[in-house]
Protein backbone atom coordinates (compact mmCIF):
# COMPACT_ATOMS: atom_id res chain seq x y z
CA MET A 1 0.00 0.00 0.00
CA SER A 2 1.27 3.45 -0.82
CA VAL A 3 1.98 6.06 1.81
CA ALA A 4 -0.81 8.35 0.58
CA ARG A 5 -3.30 5.50 0.73
CA THR A 6 -2.37 4.59 4.31
CA GLU A 7 -2.66 8.25 5.33
CA LYS A 8 -6.13 8.42 3.77
CA ALA A 9 -7.14 5.20 5.53
CA ALA A 10 -5.94 6.68 8.82
CA VAL A 11 -8.02 9.84 8.23
CA VAL A 12 -11.10 7.75 7.40
CA ALA A 13 -10.57 5.75 10.60
CA GLU A 14 -10.18 8.98 12.59
CA VAL A 15 -13.41 10.42 11.15
CA ARG A 16 -15.26 7.15 11.91
CA GLU A 17 -14.00 7.28 15.50
CA LYS A 18 -15.17 10.89 15.83
CA PHE A 19 -18.57 9.95 14.40
CA ALA A 20 -18.86 7.07 16.86
CA ALA A 21 -17.78 9.21 19.83
CA SER A 22 -20.14 12.10 18.97
CA ASN A 23 -23.83 12.20 19.76
CA SER A 24 -24.35 14.76 16.97
CA VAL A 25 -22.52 16.47 14.12
CA ILE A 26 -23.18 19.82 12.48
CA VAL A 27 -21.93 20.39 8.94
CA THR A 28 -20.96 23.92 7.87
CA GLU A 29 -19.51 25.53 4.79
CA TYR A 30 -16.57 27.78 5.65
CA ARG A 31 -15.73 29.20 2.20
CA GLY A 32 -14.22 32.67 2.63
CA LEU A 33 -13.33 32.44 6.32
CA THR A 34 -9.82 33.29 7.39
CA VAL A 35 -7.62 30.98 9.41
CA GLY A 36 -7.91 33.36 12.36
CA ALA A 37 -11.71 33.32 12.20
CA LEU A 38 -11.71 29.50 12.13
CA ALA A 39 -9.38 29.46 15.13
CA ASN A 40 -11.75 31.79 17.01
CA LEU A 41 -14.67 29.52 16.15
CA ARG A 42 -12.80 26.45 17.38
CA ARG A 43 -11.98 28.27 20.63
CA ALA A 44 -15.65 29.20 21.10
CA LEU A 45 -16.86 25.64 20.48
CA ARG A 46 -14.32 23.79 22.63
CA PRO A 47 -15.92 24.68 26.03
CA LEU A 48 -19.30 23.55 24.69
CA GLY A 49 -18.02 20.01 24.07
CA ALA A 50 -17.52 20.33 20.33
CA GLU A 51 -14.56 19.88 18.04
CA TYR A 52 -14.55 21.70 14.70
CA LYS A 53 -12.48 20.00 12.00
CA VAL A 54 -11.94 20.25 8.26
CA TYR A 55 -11.55 17.01 6.30
CA LYS A 56 -11.52 16.08 2.64
CA ASN A 57 -15.08 15.54 1.46
CA THR A 58 -14.42 12.17 -0.18
CA LEU A 59 -12.86 10.82 3.02
CA VAL A 60 -15.82 12.05 5.08
CA LYS A 61 -18.24 10.39 2.66
CA ILE A 62 -16.35 7.10 2.94
CA ALA A 63 -16.33 7.34 6.75
CA ALA A 64 -20.05 8.15 6.89
CA ARG A 65 -21.14 5.16 4.81
CA ASP A 66 -23.20 2.44 6.45
CA GLY A 67 -23.29 4.13 9.81
CA GLU A 68 -25.45 6.24 12.02
CA MET A 69 -24.02 9.35 10.34
CA ALA A 70 -24.80 8.24 6.77
CA ALA A 71 -26.94 11.35 6.26
CA VAL A 72 -23.75 13.45 6.36
CA ASP A 73 -23.01 12.18 2.86
CA SER A 74 -25.71 14.37 1.31
CA MET A 75 -24.57 17.47 3.24
CA VAL A 76 -20.94 17.29 2.18
CA GLY A 77 -20.07 19.30 -0.91
CA GLY A 78 -17.69 22.20 -1.34
CA PRO A 79 -15.40 23.33 1.46
CA VAL A 80 -17.10 21.93 4.55
CA ALA A 81 -16.08 21.57 8.15
CA ILE A 82 -17.76 19.38 10.73
CA ALA A 83 -18.51 20.19 14.36
CA PHE A 84 -18.38 16.92 16.31
CA VAL A 85 -20.65 17.46 19.32
CA ASN A 86 -20.19 15.55 22.56
CA GLY A 87 -22.15 17.99 24.69
CA GLU A 88 -25.37 19.89 24.25
CA VAL A 89 -26.17 20.17 20.54
CA SER A 90 -28.40 23.22 20.94
CA ALA A 91 -25.59 25.20 22.60
CA VAL A 92 -23.21 24.34 19.75
CA ALA A 93 -25.86 25.20 17.14
CA LYS A 94 -26.43 28.53 18.92
CA ALA A 95 -22.69 29.29 18.92
CA LEU A 96 -22.43 28.44 15.21
CA ARG A 97 -25.50 30.56 14.39
CA ASP A 98 -24.12 33.52 16.35
CA PHE A 99 -20.73 33.16 14.65
CA ALA A 100 -22.46 32.98 11.24
CA LYS A 101 -24.26 36.27 12.00
CA GLU A 102 -20.90 37.98 12.53
CA ASN A 103 -19.13 36.12 9.70
CA THR A 104 -21.51 35.72 6.79
CA ALA A 105 -19.10 33.37 5.04
CA LEU A 106 -20.05 30.57 7.45
CA LYS A 107 -23.17 28.70 6.32
CA LEU A 108 -24.99 25.99 8.24
CA MET A 109 -25.54 23.04 5.90
CA GLY A 110 -27.28 20.57 8.21
CA ALA A 111 -26.75 18.17 11.05
CA VAL A 112 -27.22 14.64 12.25
CA VAL A 113 -28.74 14.62 15.72
CA ASP A 114 -29.11 11.25 17.43
CA GLY A 115 -28.95 9.48 14.07
CA LYS A 116 -31.55 11.68 12.37
CA ALA A 117 -30.78 14.13 9.57
CA VAL A 118 -31.65 17.77 10.18
CA ASP A 119 -31.56 20.44 7.46
CA ALA A 120 -30.22 23.99 7.85
CA LYS A 121 -33.60 25.27 9.08
CA GLY A 122 -33.64 22.53 11.68
CA VAL A 123 -30.18 23.55 12.89
CA LYS A 124 -31.41 27.13 13.26
CA ALA A 125 -34.43 25.83 15.20
CA LEU A 126 -32.05 23.87 17.45
CA ALA A 127 -30.15 27.09 18.06
CA ASP A 128 -33.37 28.77 19.21
CA LEU A 129 -34.01 26.14 21.88
CA PRO A 130 -33.26 27.18 25.45
CA SER A 131 -30.31 25.51 27.13
CA ARG A 132 -30.63 22.20 28.92
CA ASP A 133 -30.43 23.88 32.33
CA VAL A 134 -33.26 26.28 31.48
CA MET A 135 -35.43 23.44 30.18
CA LEU A 136 -34.77 21.39 33.34
CA ALA A 137 -35.64 24.39 35.52
CA LYS A 138 -38.92 24.89 33.64
CA PHE A 139 -39.70 21.19 33.99
CA ALA A 140 -38.99 21.32 37.73
CA GLY A 141 -41.29 24.33 38.00
CA LEU A 142 -44.03 22.41 36.22
CA LEU A 143 -43.61 19.51 38.64
CA LYS A 144 -43.51 21.81 41.68
CA ALA A 145 -46.64 23.86 40.86
CA PRO A 146 -49.28 21.16 41.54
CA MET A 147 -47.56 20.15 44.78
CA SER A 148 -47.40 23.77 45.96
CA ASN A 149 -51.07 24.30 45.14
CA THR A 150 -52.03 21.12 46.99
CA ALA A 151 -49.99 22.14 50.06
CA TYR A 152 -51.61 25.58 50.03
CA LEU A 153 -55.10 24.12 49.80
CA LEU A 154 -54.44 21.59 52.57
CA SER A 155 -53.10 24.31 54.86
CA ALA A 156 -55.98 26.67 54.06
CA LEU A 157 -58.62 24.62 55.92
CA PRO A 158 -56.91 24.63 59.35
CA ARG A 159 -55.85 28.27 58.85
CA LYS A 160 -59.39 29.39 58.09
CA ALA A 161 -60.72 27.32 61.00
CA ALA A 162 -58.20 29.04 63.29
CA TYR A 163 -59.25 32.48 62.02
CA GLY A 164 -62.89 31.55 62.60
CA LEU A 165 -62.21 30.34 66.14
CA LYS A 166 -60.21 33.50 66.89
CA ALA A 167 -63.08 35.67 65.64
CA LEU A 168 -65.56 33.63 67.70
CA VAL A 169 -63.42 34.01 70.83
CA GLU A 170 -63.07 37.78 70.24
CA GLN A 171 -66.81 38.05 69.72
CA LYS A 172 -67.55 36.18 72.97
CA GLN A 173 -65.04 38.33 74.89
CA ALA A 174 -66.57 41.52 73.50
CA ALA A 175 -70.06 40.43 74.54
């Protein structure tokens, strides 16, 4: 096997490993972005649990075949980079959307989230979702509300009875 072929096989294996280790991937087109802008984007995505890499399209297509990320094949065309997401996909989508607003050269092509293909509009919708912490807080509030109402209602009966007895006692003392 030639050296170039073994290097390509190693890249395909690396991409397959990244696909397997990621719960989601977001595909972007970076045509026109500077190296510095890409470095800034990588720095912004790293704390969110994402790695942003550029690979040759043909090698990505080979790596995506027959796997959970097979839908990536249709998204790859032109100069694309892939954000491999190990954390919260909505936070990464939000960071990419915000970066794309500042740098119009970055275009969201699509994503694969939990094995399902999502188009560019779907990625933008993901970016509009609140963070996981906010959603959990809202869910906890929804669970807490009925319990709080029940506790209030159960405490209202003795409280009102006590107010009634107090008023009765005051009335008897006044008479």
